[in-house]
């Protein structure tokens, strides 16, 4: 079944910790490690990627750590996961690196593409701010799922 790697899971959890400290100063990697039970070494790899992508900033020296580069309302879970995992491609034929030679004759291509688009839309619609709101996040997720029950079609306007 579909599954995120630990890099994506831990990356979102680390971003949550950094967002919790938003406006209070830099959050140390040690604090993130302790709060989320992830090794410092693994977090260094993850946070380095997110810093290079411009999602977070690092502050060196005493009192240093990590800060969000933008407001948590402007950082989507989808953006974080794309930086760490790559694009949403639930089958190899939808992976931009691999492509598909059967796309014009494949009976399931639209099914997988639509599913991938729905996942991408959901993740892009969820912001770090939503995670900070706790129980309200559950309501947002439920609302998003309900909106997706209107019908399944790989085409617009049906």
Protein backbone atom coordinates (compact mmCIF):
# COMPACT_ATOMS: atom_id res chain seq x y z
CA UNK A 1 0.00 0.00 0.00
CA UNK A 2 1.01 3.64 -0.18
CA UNK A 3 3.53 4.60 2.45
CA UNK A 4 5.70 7.62 3.20
CA UNK A 5 9.31 7.04 4.10
CA UNK A 6 10.55 7.98 7.55
CA UNK A 7 12.24 10.98 5.95
CA UNK A 8 8.86 12.45 5.01
CA UNK A 9 7.21 11.53 8.30
CA UNK A 10 10.03 12.87 10.45
CA UNK A 11 10.36 15.95 8.25
CA UNK A 12 6.75 16.96 8.87
CA UNK A 13 7.18 16.28 12.60
CA UNK A 14 10.34 18.40 12.71
CA UNK A 15 8.59 21.21 10.86
CA UNK A 16 5.77 21.01 13.40
CA UNK A 17 8.27 21.54 16.24
CA UNK A 18 9.86 24.48 14.43
CA UNK A 19 6.41 25.96 13.76
CA UNK A 20 5.49 25.58 17.47
CA UNK A 21 8.45 27.83 18.26
CA UNK A 22 7.57 30.33 15.54
CA UNK A 23 7.94 33.85 16.89
CA UNK A 24 9.84 32.64 19.97
CA UNK A 25 13.26 32.34 18.34
CA UNK A 26 15.24 29.47 16.84
CA UNK A 27 14.42 25.89 17.82
CA UNK A 28 17.45 23.69 18.49
CA UNK A 29 17.92 20.38 16.72
CA UNK A 30 18.36 18.81 20.16
CA UNK A 31 14.90 19.98 21.21
CA UNK A 32 13.35 18.66 17.99
CA UNK A 33 15.13 15.34 18.54
CA UNK A 34 13.91 15.06 22.12
CA UNK A 35 10.32 16.08 21.38
CA UNK A 36 9.93 13.86 18.31
CA UNK A 37 12.23 10.96 19.26
CA UNK A 38 14.30 11.22 16.08
CA UNK A 39 18.10 11.02 16.04
CA UNK A 40 20.02 14.27 15.65
CA UNK A 41 22.03 12.77 12.77
CA UNK A 42 18.88 11.94 10.77
CA UNK A 43 17.34 15.32 11.54
CA UNK A 44 20.50 17.04 10.27
CA UNK A 45 20.01 15.39 6.86
CA UNK A 46 16.31 16.28 6.74
CA UNK A 47 16.67 19.86 7.95
CA UNK A 48 19.58 20.48 5.59
CA UNK A 49 17.33 19.63 2.62
CA UNK A 50 14.54 21.85 3.92
CA UNK A 51 17.00 24.71 4.51
CA UNK A 52 18.41 24.43 0.99
CA UNK A 53 14.83 24.53 -0.32
CA UNK A 54 14.23 27.81 1.53
CA UNK A 55 11.48 26.42 3.78
CA UNK A 56 13.47 26.98 6.98
CA UNK A 57 16.41 29.16 8.01
CA UNK A 58 19.25 28.21 10.30
CA UNK A 59 20.77 30.50 12.90
CA UNK A 60 24.33 29.72 13.96
CA UNK A 61 25.97 30.31 17.32
CA UNK A 62 24.70 30.39 20.89
CA UNK A 63 20.92 30.47 20.93
CA UNK A 64 20.91 29.24 17.36
CA UNK A 65 18.71 26.67 15.74
CA UNK A 66 16.02 26.55 13.07
CA UNK A 67 13.21 28.94 12.18
CA UNK A 68 10.51 28.94 9.53
CA UNK A 69 11.39 30.99 6.46
CA UNK A 70 7.70 31.94 6.05
CA UNK A 71 4.53 32.08 8.09
CA UNK A 72 3.17 28.58 8.96
CA UNK A 73 -0.04 29.48 7.08
CA UNK A 74 2.02 29.65 3.89
CA UNK A 75 3.92 26.35 4.18
CA UNK A 76 1.98 23.32 2.97
CA UNK A 77 2.56 19.73 4.02
CA UNK A 78 2.76 18.98 0.29
CA UNK A 79 5.68 21.38 -0.16
CA UNK A 80 7.58 19.76 2.71
CA UNK A 81 6.96 16.23 1.41
CA UNK A 82 7.89 17.10 -2.20
CA UNK A 83 11.25 18.41 -0.98
CA UNK A 84 11.93 15.27 1.03
CA UNK A 85 10.17 12.56 -1.00
CA UNK A 86 9.86 13.97 -4.51
CA UNK A 87 6.63 14.42 -6.47
CA UNK A 88 3.45 12.49 -5.70
CA UNK A 89 3.64 9.56 -8.11
CA UNK A 90 1.72 6.59 -6.79
CA UNK A 91 2.78 4.41 -9.73
CA UNK A 92 6.03 4.36 -11.66
CA UNK A 93 4.21 5.46 -14.83
CA UNK A 94 3.30 8.77 -13.13
CA UNK A 95 6.86 9.45 -11.99
CA UNK A 96 8.24 12.27 -14.17
CA UNK A 97 11.66 10.53 -14.15
CA UNK A 98 10.24 7.27 -15.51
CA UNK A 99 7.21 8.16 -17.62
CA UNK A 100 5.00 5.65 -19.36
CA UNK A 101 5.02 4.39 -22.93
CA UNK A 102 1.47 2.99 -22.57
CA UNK A 103 -0.18 6.21 -21.36
CA UNK A 104 -2.47 6.46 -24.40
CA UNK A 105 -3.70 2.88 -24.14
CA UNK A 106 -3.57 2.20 -20.39
CA UNK A 107 -6.97 1.49 -18.86
CA UNK A 108 -5.88 2.54 -15.34
CA UNK A 109 -3.78 5.63 -16.11
CA UNK A 110 -6.61 8.11 -15.38
CA UNK A 111 -7.48 6.24 -12.17
CA UNK A 112 -3.92 6.49 -10.80
CA UNK A 113 -3.49 10.05 -12.05
CA UNK A 114 -6.73 11.16 -10.39
CA UNK A 115 -5.80 9.46 -7.13
CA UNK A 116 -2.38 11.12 -7.18
CA UNK A 117 -3.95 14.50 -7.96
CA UNK A 118 -6.35 14.10 -5.01
CA UNK A 119 -3.48 13.25 -2.66
CA UNK A 120 -1.47 16.23 -3.94
CA UNK A 121 -4.48 18.54 -3.54
CA UNK A 122 -5.09 17.33 0.02
CA UNK A 123 -1.43 17.73 1.06
CA UNK A 124 -1.13 21.15 -0.60
CA UNK A 125 -4.30 22.28 1.18
CA UNK A 126 -2.97 21.33 4.62
CA UNK A 127 -0.65 23.95 6.09
CA UNK A 128 1.69 23.81 9.07
CA UNK A 129 -0.73 26.16 10.78
CA UNK A 130 -3.39 23.44 10.53
CA UNK A 131 -1.17 21.03 12.47
CA UNK A 132 -0.67 23.67 15.16
CA UNK A 133 -4.44 23.92 15.61
CA UNK A 134 -4.70 20.33 16.85
CA UNK A 135 -8.34 19.16 16.99
CA UNK A 136 -9.36 21.68 14.36
CA UNK A 137 -7.03 19.84 11.98
CA UNK A 138 -9.17 16.71 12.29
CA UNK A 139 -12.23 18.72 11.25
CA UNK A 140 -10.35 20.12 8.22
CA UNK A 141 -9.25 16.65 7.17
CA UNK A 142 -12.81 15.32 7.49
CA UNK A 143 -14.16 18.24 5.47
CA UNK A 144 -11.59 17.58 2.75
CA UNK A 145 -12.53 13.89 2.63
CA UNK A 146 -16.23 14.76 2.37
CA UNK A 147 -15.56 17.15 -0.49
CA UNK A 148 -13.79 14.34 -2.34
CA UNK A 149 -16.86 12.04 -2.21
CA UNK A 150 -18.72 13.97 -4.92
CA UNK A 151 -17.65 11.52 -7.56
CA UNK A 152 -14.63 10.09 -9.23
CA UNK A 153 -13.66 11.17 -12.68
CA UNK A 154 -10.29 11.79 -14.22
CA UNK A 155 -11.80 14.70 -16.16
CA UNK A 156 -13.04 18.12 -15.17
CA UNK A 157 -16.59 19.23 -15.80
CA UNK A 158 -18.33 15.85 -15.64
